[in-house]
């Protein structure tokens, strides 16, 4: 074999290895992106489930503390913000708002333990 053929075979082998490396990396990145989407979807489902439970909690507490109107308004606003969140950052911010509002709501519930 000539030196030119050996050089050509080595170059083709290096190119083939590079192609397989790029292909494997791309597939790994696609898989990771899909897992991230699934994880955010699961978080979104749990946030919406949590927000859907808020009206029942509000109705339960409303009977005991009708004069705590601001607390109920804050919970309602926070829940609406969570349900309409479009990005993960907005969802996180809305969830923090809802958590703060629920703390106030639980405080009202504890103040009227009947």
C-alpha atoms as a PDB file:
ATOM      1  CA  UNK A   1       0.000   0.000   0.000  1.00  0.00           C
ATOM      2  CA  UNK A   2       1.089   3.445  -0.705  1.00  0.00           C
ATOM      3  CA  UNK A   3       1.568   6.131   1.878  1.00  0.00           C
ATOM      4  CA  UNK A   4      -1.310   8.111   0.324  1.00  0.00           C
ATOM      5  CA  UNK A   5      -3.805   5.288   0.900  1.00  0.00           C
ATOM      6  CA  UNK A   6      -2.738   4.872   4.537  1.00  0.00           C
ATOM      7  CA  UNK A   7      -3.105   8.618   5.136  1.00  0.00           C
ATOM      8  CA  UNK A   8      -6.543   8.526   3.484  1.00  0.00           C
ATOM      9  CA  UNK A   9      -7.654   5.592   5.673  1.00  0.00           C
ATOM     10  CA  UNK A  10      -6.442   7.387   8.826  1.00  0.00           C
ATOM     11  CA  UNK A  11      -8.262  10.588   7.827  1.00  0.00           C
ATOM     12  CA  UNK A  12     -11.462   8.648   7.085  1.00  0.00           C
ATOM     13  CA  UNK A  13     -11.188   6.865  10.443  1.00  0.00           C
ATOM     14  CA  UNK A  14     -10.767  10.186  12.273  1.00  0.00           C
ATOM     15  CA  UNK A  15     -13.732  11.680  10.395  1.00  0.00           C
ATOM     16  CA  UNK A  16     -15.857   8.597  11.184  1.00  0.00           C
ATOM     17  CA  UNK A  17     -14.949   8.805  14.877  1.00  0.00           C
ATOM     18  CA  UNK A  18     -15.803  12.519  14.853  1.00  0.00           C
ATOM     19  CA  UNK A  19     -19.167  11.847  13.206  1.00  0.00           C
ATOM     20  CA  UNK A  20     -20.034   9.141  15.751  1.00  0.00           C
ATOM     21  CA  UNK A  21     -18.979  11.436  18.602  1.00  0.00           C
ATOM     22  CA  UNK A  22     -21.138  14.305  17.307  1.00  0.00           C
ATOM     23  CA  UNK A  23     -24.053  11.942  16.695  1.00  0.00           C
ATOM     24  CA  UNK A  24     -23.832  10.491  20.212  1.00  0.00           C
ATOM     25  CA  UNK A  25     -23.523  13.935  21.783  1.00  0.00           C
ATOM     26  CA  UNK A  26     -26.536  15.212  19.840  1.00  0.00           C
ATOM     27  CA  UNK A  27     -28.650  12.229  20.903  1.00  0.00           C
ATOM     28  CA  UNK A  28     -27.612  12.743  24.523  1.00  0.00           C
ATOM     29  CA  UNK A  29     -28.548  16.419  24.374  1.00  0.00           C
ATOM     30  CA  UNK A  30     -31.936  15.627  22.845  1.00  0.00           C
ATOM     31  CA  UNK A  31     -32.589  13.063  25.585  1.00  0.00           C
ATOM     32  CA  UNK A  32     -31.588  15.523  28.299  1.00  0.00           C
ATOM     33  CA  UNK A  33     -33.783  18.249  26.800  1.00  0.00           C
ATOM     34  CA  UNK A  34     -36.740  15.846  26.766  1.00  0.00           C
ATOM     35  CA  UNK A  35     -36.135  14.889  30.406  1.00  0.00           C
ATOM     36  CA  UNK A  36     -36.040  18.567  31.376  1.00  0.00           C
ATOM     37  CA  UNK A  37     -39.340  19.184  29.577  1.00  0.00           C
ATOM     38  CA  UNK A  38     -40.906  16.197  31.342  1.00  0.00           C
ATOM     39  CA  UNK A  39     -39.605  17.390  34.702  1.00  0.00           C
ATOM     40  CA  UNK A  40     -41.028  20.893  34.189  1.00  0.00           C
ATOM     41  CA  UNK A  41     -44.280  19.354  33.066  1.00  0.00           C
ATOM     42  CA  UNK A  42     -44.453  17.378  36.298  1.00  0.00           C
ATOM     43  CA  UNK A  43     -43.719  20.499  38.328  1.00  0.00           C
ATOM     44  CA  UNK A  44     -46.365  22.420  36.402  1.00  0.00           C
ATOM     45  CA  UNK A  45     -48.938  19.688  37.066  1.00  0.00           C
ATOM     46  CA  UNK A  46     -48.188  19.741  40.792  1.00  0.00           C
ATOM     47  CA  UNK A  47     -48.371  23.542  40.939  1.00  0.00           C
ATOM     48  CA  UNK A  48     -51.730  23.537  39.157  1.00  0.00           C
ATOM     49  CA  UNK A  49     -53.009  20.749  41.411  1.00  0.00           C
ATOM     50  CA  UNK A  50     -51.960  22.742  44.438  1.00  0.00           C
ATOM     51  CA  UNK A  51     -53.640  25.851  43.049  1.00  0.00           C
ATOM     52  CA  UNK A  52     -56.834  23.899  42.350  1.00  0.00           C
ATOM     53  CA  UNK A  53     -57.040  22.882  46.019  1.00  0.00           C
ATOM     54  CA  UNK A  54     -56.940  26.488  47.196  1.00  0.00           C
ATOM     55  CA  UNK A  55     -60.644  27.300  46.559  1.00  0.00           C
ATOM     56  CA  UNK A  56     -61.716  24.453  48.863  1.00  0.00           C
ATOM     57  CA  UNK A  57     -59.410  25.725  51.568  1.00  0.00           C
ATOM     58  CA  UNK A  58     -60.671  29.275  51.135  1.00  0.00           C
ATOM     59  CA  UNK A  59     -64.296  28.160  51.382  1.00  0.00           C
ATOM     60  CA  UNK A  60     -63.539  26.210  54.533  1.00  0.00           C
ATOM     61  CA  UNK A  61     -61.858  29.148  56.218  1.00  0.00           C
ATOM     62  CA  UNK A  62     -64.325  31.747  54.901  1.00  0.00           C
ATOM     63  CA  UNK A  63     -67.057  30.535  57.180  1.00  0.00           C
ATOM     64  CA  UNK A  64     -64.915  31.181  60.242  1.00  0.00           C
ATOM     65  CA  UNK A  65     -63.343  34.491  59.311  1.00  0.00           C
ATOM     66  CA  UNK A  66     -65.550  36.596  57.087  1.00  0.00           C
ATOM     67  CA  UNK A  67     -63.787  39.795  58.157  1.00  0.00           C
ATOM     68  CA  UNK A  68     -60.381  38.659  56.812  1.00  0.00           C
ATOM     69  CA  UNK A  69     -61.212  39.785  53.283  1.00  0.00           C
ATOM     70  CA  UNK A  70     -57.679  40.909  52.368  1.00  0.00           C
ATOM     71  CA  UNK A  71     -56.278  37.445  53.076  1.00  0.00           C
ATOM     72  CA  UNK A  72     -58.787  35.830  50.726  1.00  0.00           C
ATOM     73  CA  UNK A  73     -58.114  38.405  48.023  1.00  0.00           C
ATOM     74  CA  UNK A  74     -54.361  37.785  48.257  1.00  0.00           C
ATOM     75  CA  UNK A  75     -54.844  34.024  48.010  1.00  0.00           C
ATOM     76  CA  UNK A  76     -57.135  34.444  45.005  1.00  0.00           C
ATOM     77  CA  UNK A  77     -54.684  36.775  43.234  1.00  0.00           C
ATOM     78  CA  UNK A  78     -51.757  34.445  43.917  1.00  0.00           C
ATOM     79  CA  UNK A  79     -53.700  31.445  42.646  1.00  0.00           C
ATOM     80  CA  UNK A  80     -54.676  33.304  39.459  1.00  0.00           C
ATOM     81  CA  UNK A  81     -51.051  34.301  38.902  1.00  0.00           C
ATOM     82  CA  UNK A  82     -49.949  30.688  39.303  1.00  0.00           C
ATOM     83  CA  UNK A  83     -52.564  29.391  36.883  1.00  0.00           C
ATOM     84  CA  UNK A  84     -51.582  31.956  34.227  1.00  0.00           C
ATOM     85  CA  UNK A  85     -47.795  31.607  34.597  1.00  0.00           C
ATOM     86  CA  UNK A  86     -46.167  31.083  31.220  1.00  0.00           C
ATOM     87  CA  UNK A  87     -42.530  30.497  32.065  1.00  0.00           C
ATOM     88  CA  UNK A  88     -40.843  28.509  34.827  1.00  0.00           C
ATOM     89  CA  UNK A  89     -39.613  31.769  36.366  1.00  0.00           C
ATOM     90  CA  UNK A  90     -43.152  33.180  36.453  1.00  0.00           C
ATOM     91  CA  UNK A  91     -44.429  29.916  37.923  1.00  0.00           C
ATOM     92  CA  UNK A  92     -41.778  29.994  40.651  1.00  0.00           C
ATOM     93  CA  UNK A  93     -42.570  33.613  41.486  1.00  0.00           C
ATOM     94  CA  UNK A  94     -46.312  32.920  41.544  1.00  0.00           C
ATOM     95  CA  UNK A  95     -45.781  29.845  43.715  1.00  0.00           C
ATOM     96  CA  UNK A  96     -43.797  31.936  46.186  1.00  0.00           C
ATOM     97  CA  UNK A  97     -46.659  34.451  46.234  1.00  0.00           C
ATOM     98  CA  UNK A  98     -49.154  31.640  46.825  1.00  0.00           C
ATOM     99  CA  UNK A  99     -47.037  30.182  49.614  1.00  0.00           C
ATOM    100  CA  UNK A 100     -46.969  33.547  51.381  1.00  0.00           C
ATOM    101  CA  UNK A 101     -50.705  34.010  50.949  1.00  0.00           C
ATOM    102  CA  UNK A 102     -51.392  30.503  52.230  1.00  0.00           C
ATOM    103  CA  UNK A 103     -49.313  31.205  55.334  1.00  0.00           C
ATOM    104  CA  UNK A 104     -51.641  34.116  56.076  1.00  0.00           C
ATOM    105  CA  UNK A 105     -54.653  31.931  55.373  1.00  0.00           C
ATOM    106  CA  UNK A 106     -53.404  29.223  57.725  1.00  0.00           C
ATOM    107  CA  UNK A 107     -52.843  31.880  60.378  1.00  0.00           C
ATOM    108  CA  UNK A 108     -56.493  32.909  59.995  1.00  0.00           C
ATOM    109  CA  UNK A 109     -57.561  29.274  60.242  1.00  0.00           C
ATOM    110  CA  UNK A 110     -55.531  28.868  63.427  1.00  0.00           C
ATOM    111  CA  UNK A 111     -57.034  32.048  64.876  1.00  0.00           C
ATOM    112  CA  UNK A 112     -60.516  30.539  64.438  1.00  0.00           C
ATOM    113  CA  UNK A 113     -59.986  26.860  65.340  1.00  0.00           C
ATOM    114  CA  UNK A 114     -63.655  25.920  65.486  1.00  0.00           C
END
